[in-house]
Amino acid sequence: LLPSQFHWVYRAVKHDVLLSSISGGTDINGCFAAGCPLLPVRAGELQCRALAVKMEVWDEGGRSVVGSKGELVCVASIPSMPLYFLDDPHHRKYTQAYFDVYPGVWRHGDFAELTPSGGLII
């Protein structure tokens, strides 16, 4: 959510709700980033990386960055991650969709920034 959307919810809906924006997808059947009731809510940020997800933001050189914009990647398997696409016996479409830029590393296709506080801006 944009900062203005956070402010609208707190102004127009409820001032003390725990508002969590998330990021994920049907392709992984889960989340890369989520909310956490133990962390502060920052307008315009997703609160933290999801549990058991080794998600990072990488620059064009494939280096993990914090406080800079880059590609949202997942550097370790997630139990719900697909292994292949149907009708793709040699896994070419699957590889092209997620592993073509950084071999062996899931590139989700989202431009993101991991903040110094551990939050995420997409």
Foldseek 3Di string as FASTA:
>chain_A
DALVVVVCCCVPPNVDDQDADFADDPQLPDTQAIADPVFDDDRQWHTAGDPPWQWFFAALVRDGDAPDKHFIKTQDDDVSHDPADPPCVPRPVVCVQAAPRPHNIGGNPDIWHQYPNRIIHD
